[in-house]
């Protein structure tokens, strides 16, 4: 799992690189949960994601639900074509998952 984390205005900003799939799912889940526990929200930059499968989609949907349940920010700032294709193939609208247009 390859990522960098920056904290800005109380929000965790994760720049994720590489596959976002079943093989990385437990580590990604732990990362997302830690971000929600330690920050007022989470912003993901997924521009460098090379692969995304249904487990990756499930993590994104779960992160969206966690943020809403906890009253926290969740936004995907940029998505690679692999992420967009996986979401679309799963019948999901990328802009609905990304949170673009929502206020912080």
C-alpha atoms as a PDB file:
ATOM      1  CA  UNK A   1       0.000   0.000   0.000  1.00  0.00           C
ATOM      2  CA  UNK A   2       1.513   3.296  -1.095  1.00  0.00           C
ATOM      3  CA  UNK A   3       0.126   6.596   0.172  1.00  0.00           C
ATOM      4  CA  UNK A   4       1.048   9.900   1.734  1.00  0.00           C
ATOM      5  CA  UNK A   5      -0.931  11.682   4.418  1.00  0.00           C
ATOM      6  CA  UNK A   6      -1.183  15.372   5.101  1.00  0.00           C
ATOM      7  CA  UNK A   7      -3.411  17.037   7.661  1.00  0.00           C
ATOM      8  CA  UNK A   8      -4.937  20.351   6.670  1.00  0.00           C
ATOM      9  CA  UNK A   9      -7.530  22.294   8.645  1.00  0.00           C
ATOM     10  CA  UNK A  10      -8.274  19.216  10.741  1.00  0.00           C
ATOM     11  CA  UNK A  11      -8.913  17.032   7.699  1.00  0.00           C
ATOM     12  CA  UNK A  12      -6.768  14.059   6.656  1.00  0.00           C
ATOM     13  CA  UNK A  13      -5.688  14.240   3.024  1.00  0.00           C
ATOM     14  CA  UNK A  14      -4.572  10.901   1.598  1.00  0.00           C
ATOM     15  CA  UNK A  15      -2.830  10.621  -1.761  1.00  0.00           C
ATOM     16  CA  UNK A  16      -3.150   6.960  -2.685  1.00  0.00           C
ATOM     17  CA  UNK A  17      -1.034   5.214  -5.344  1.00  0.00           C
ATOM     18  CA  UNK A  18      -1.313   1.747  -6.860  1.00  0.00           C
ATOM     19  CA  UNK A  19      -4.026  -0.891  -6.609  1.00  0.00           C
ATOM     20  CA  UNK A  20      -7.151  -0.248  -4.519  1.00  0.00           C
ATOM     21  CA  UNK A  21      -8.386  -3.816  -4.417  1.00  0.00           C
ATOM     22  CA  UNK A  22      -9.236  -6.860  -2.328  1.00  0.00           C
ATOM     23  CA  UNK A  23      -5.557  -7.517  -1.639  1.00  0.00           C
ATOM     24  CA  UNK A  24      -5.084  -4.123   0.019  1.00  0.00           C
ATOM     25  CA  UNK A  25      -8.595  -3.904   1.521  1.00  0.00           C
ATOM     26  CA  UNK A  26      -7.752  -4.685   5.178  1.00  0.00           C
ATOM     27  CA  UNK A  27      -4.914  -2.155   5.267  1.00  0.00           C
ATOM     28  CA  UNK A  28      -6.964   0.469   3.417  1.00  0.00           C
ATOM     29  CA  UNK A  29      -9.912  -0.072   5.783  1.00  0.00           C
ATOM     30  CA  UNK A  30      -7.624   0.448   8.783  1.00  0.00           C
ATOM     31  CA  UNK A  31      -6.197   3.609   7.213  1.00  0.00           C
ATOM     32  CA  UNK A  32      -9.643   5.064   6.515  1.00  0.00           C
ATOM     33  CA  UNK A  33     -10.903   4.244  10.014  1.00  0.00           C
ATOM     34  CA  UNK A  34      -7.814   5.835  11.590  1.00  0.00           C
ATOM     35  CA  UNK A  35      -8.372   8.976   9.524  1.00  0.00           C
ATOM     36  CA  UNK A  36     -12.000   9.239  10.638  1.00  0.00           C
ATOM     37  CA  UNK A  37     -10.970   8.644  14.265  1.00  0.00           C
ATOM     38  CA  UNK A  38      -8.240  11.278  14.275  1.00  0.00           C
ATOM     39  CA  UNK A  39      -9.601  13.979  11.953  1.00  0.00           C
ATOM     40  CA  UNK A  40     -12.821  15.825  11.230  1.00  0.00           C
ATOM     41  CA  UNK A  41     -12.891  14.281   7.798  1.00  0.00           C
ATOM     42  CA  UNK A  42     -11.053  12.666   4.950  1.00  0.00           C
ATOM     43  CA  UNK A  43     -10.146  13.732   1.453  1.00  0.00           C
ATOM     44  CA  UNK A  44      -8.770  11.150  -0.975  1.00  0.00           C
ATOM     45  CA  UNK A  45      -6.680  11.853  -4.040  1.00  0.00           C
ATOM     46  CA  UNK A  46      -7.067   8.711  -6.154  1.00  0.00           C
ATOM     47  CA  UNK A  47      -5.518  10.032  -9.347  1.00  0.00           C
ATOM     48  CA  UNK A  48      -2.660   7.495  -9.128  1.00  0.00           C
ATOM     49  CA  UNK A  49      -4.846   4.435  -8.453  1.00  0.00           C
ATOM     50  CA  UNK A  50      -3.937   1.800 -11.042  1.00  0.00           C
ATOM     51  CA  UNK A  51      -6.651  -0.761 -10.312  1.00  0.00           C
ATOM     52  CA  UNK A  52      -9.959  -0.777  -8.455  1.00  0.00           C
ATOM     53  CA  UNK A  53     -12.281  -3.723  -7.904  1.00  0.00           C
ATOM     54  CA  UNK A  54     -15.542  -4.337  -6.052  1.00  0.00           C
ATOM     55  CA  UNK A  55     -13.723  -4.467  -2.713  1.00  0.00           C
ATOM     56  CA  UNK A  56     -12.316  -0.996  -3.446  1.00  0.00           C
ATOM     57  CA  UNK A  57     -15.780   0.252  -4.351  1.00  0.00           C
ATOM     58  CA  UNK A  58     -17.150  -1.220  -1.124  1.00  0.00           C
ATOM     59  CA  UNK A  59     -14.482   0.641   0.866  1.00  0.00           C
ATOM     60  CA  UNK A  60     -15.435   3.925  -0.785  1.00  0.00           C
ATOM     61  CA  UNK A  61     -19.151   3.376  -0.146  1.00  0.00           C
ATOM     62  CA  UNK A  62     -18.422   2.439   3.455  1.00  0.00           C
ATOM     63  CA  UNK A  63     -16.264   5.538   3.908  1.00  0.00           C
ATOM     64  CA  UNK A  64     -19.107   7.692   2.535  1.00  0.00           C
ATOM     65  CA  UNK A  65     -21.585   6.036   4.951  1.00  0.00           C
ATOM     66  CA  UNK A  66     -19.200   6.377   7.925  1.00  0.00           C
ATOM     67  CA  UNK A  67     -18.656  10.060   7.208  1.00  0.00           C
ATOM     68  CA  UNK A  68     -22.387  10.710   6.962  1.00  0.00           C
ATOM     69  CA  UNK A  69     -23.128   8.758  10.163  1.00  0.00           C
ATOM     70  CA  UNK A  70     -20.405  10.613  12.076  1.00  0.00           C
ATOM     71  CA  UNK A  71     -21.094  14.044  10.572  1.00  0.00           C
ATOM     72  CA  UNK A  72     -17.644  14.182   8.996  1.00  0.00           C
ATOM     73  CA  UNK A  73     -16.325  15.302   5.637  1.00  0.00           C
ATOM     74  CA  UNK A  74     -15.571  12.709   2.957  1.00  0.00           C
ATOM     75  CA  UNK A  75     -14.482  13.758  -0.489  1.00  0.00           C
ATOM     76  CA  UNK A  76     -12.554  12.238  -3.364  1.00  0.00           C
ATOM     77  CA  UNK A  77     -10.689  15.091  -4.996  1.00  0.00           C
ATOM     78  CA  UNK A  78      -9.466  13.231  -8.074  1.00  0.00           C
ATOM     79  CA  UNK A  79     -10.126   9.753  -9.484  1.00  0.00           C
ATOM     80  CA  UNK A  80      -8.107   7.769 -11.968  1.00  0.00           C
ATOM     81  CA  UNK A  81      -9.832   6.209 -14.949  1.00  0.00           C
ATOM     82  CA  UNK A  82      -9.581   2.826 -13.165  1.00  0.00           C
ATOM     83  CA  UNK A  83     -11.675   4.138 -10.266  1.00  0.00           C
ATOM     84  CA  UNK A  84     -14.229   5.807 -12.543  1.00  0.00           C
ATOM     85  CA  UNK A  85     -14.593   2.622 -14.608  1.00  0.00           C
ATOM     86  CA  UNK A  86     -15.002   0.424 -11.512  1.00  0.00           C
ATOM     87  CA  UNK A  87     -17.675   2.704 -10.050  1.00  0.00           C
ATOM     88  CA  UNK A  88     -19.508   2.961 -13.355  1.00  0.00           C
ATOM     89  CA  UNK A  89     -19.351  -0.811 -13.906  1.00  0.00           C
ATOM     90  CA  UNK A  90     -20.811  -1.224 -10.416  1.00  0.00           C
ATOM     91  CA  UNK A  91     -23.750   1.011 -11.345  1.00  0.00           C
ATOM     92  CA  UNK A  92     -22.592   3.935  -9.199  1.00  0.00           C
ATOM     93  CA  UNK A  93     -22.225   7.567 -10.229  1.00  0.00           C
ATOM     94  CA  UNK A  94     -18.650   8.714  -9.494  1.00  0.00           C
ATOM     95  CA  UNK A  95     -19.807  12.229  -8.519  1.00  0.00           C
ATOM     96  CA  UNK A  96     -22.208  10.801  -5.901  1.00  0.00           C
ATOM     97  CA  UNK A  97     -19.435   8.785  -4.231  1.00  0.00           C
ATOM     98  CA  UNK A  98     -16.829  11.552  -4.543  1.00  0.00           C
ATOM     99  CA  UNK A  99     -18.816  14.130  -2.602  1.00  0.00           C
ATOM    100  CA  UNK A 100     -17.866  16.864  -5.040  1.00  0.00           C
ATOM    101  CA  UNK A 101     -19.955  19.928  -4.589  1.00  0.00           C
ATOM    102  CA  UNK A 102     -20.663  19.285  -0.901  1.00  0.00           C
ATOM    103  CA  UNK A 103     -19.573  21.855   1.630  1.00  0.00           C
ATOM    104  CA  UNK A 104     -16.839  21.001   4.117  1.00  0.00           C
END
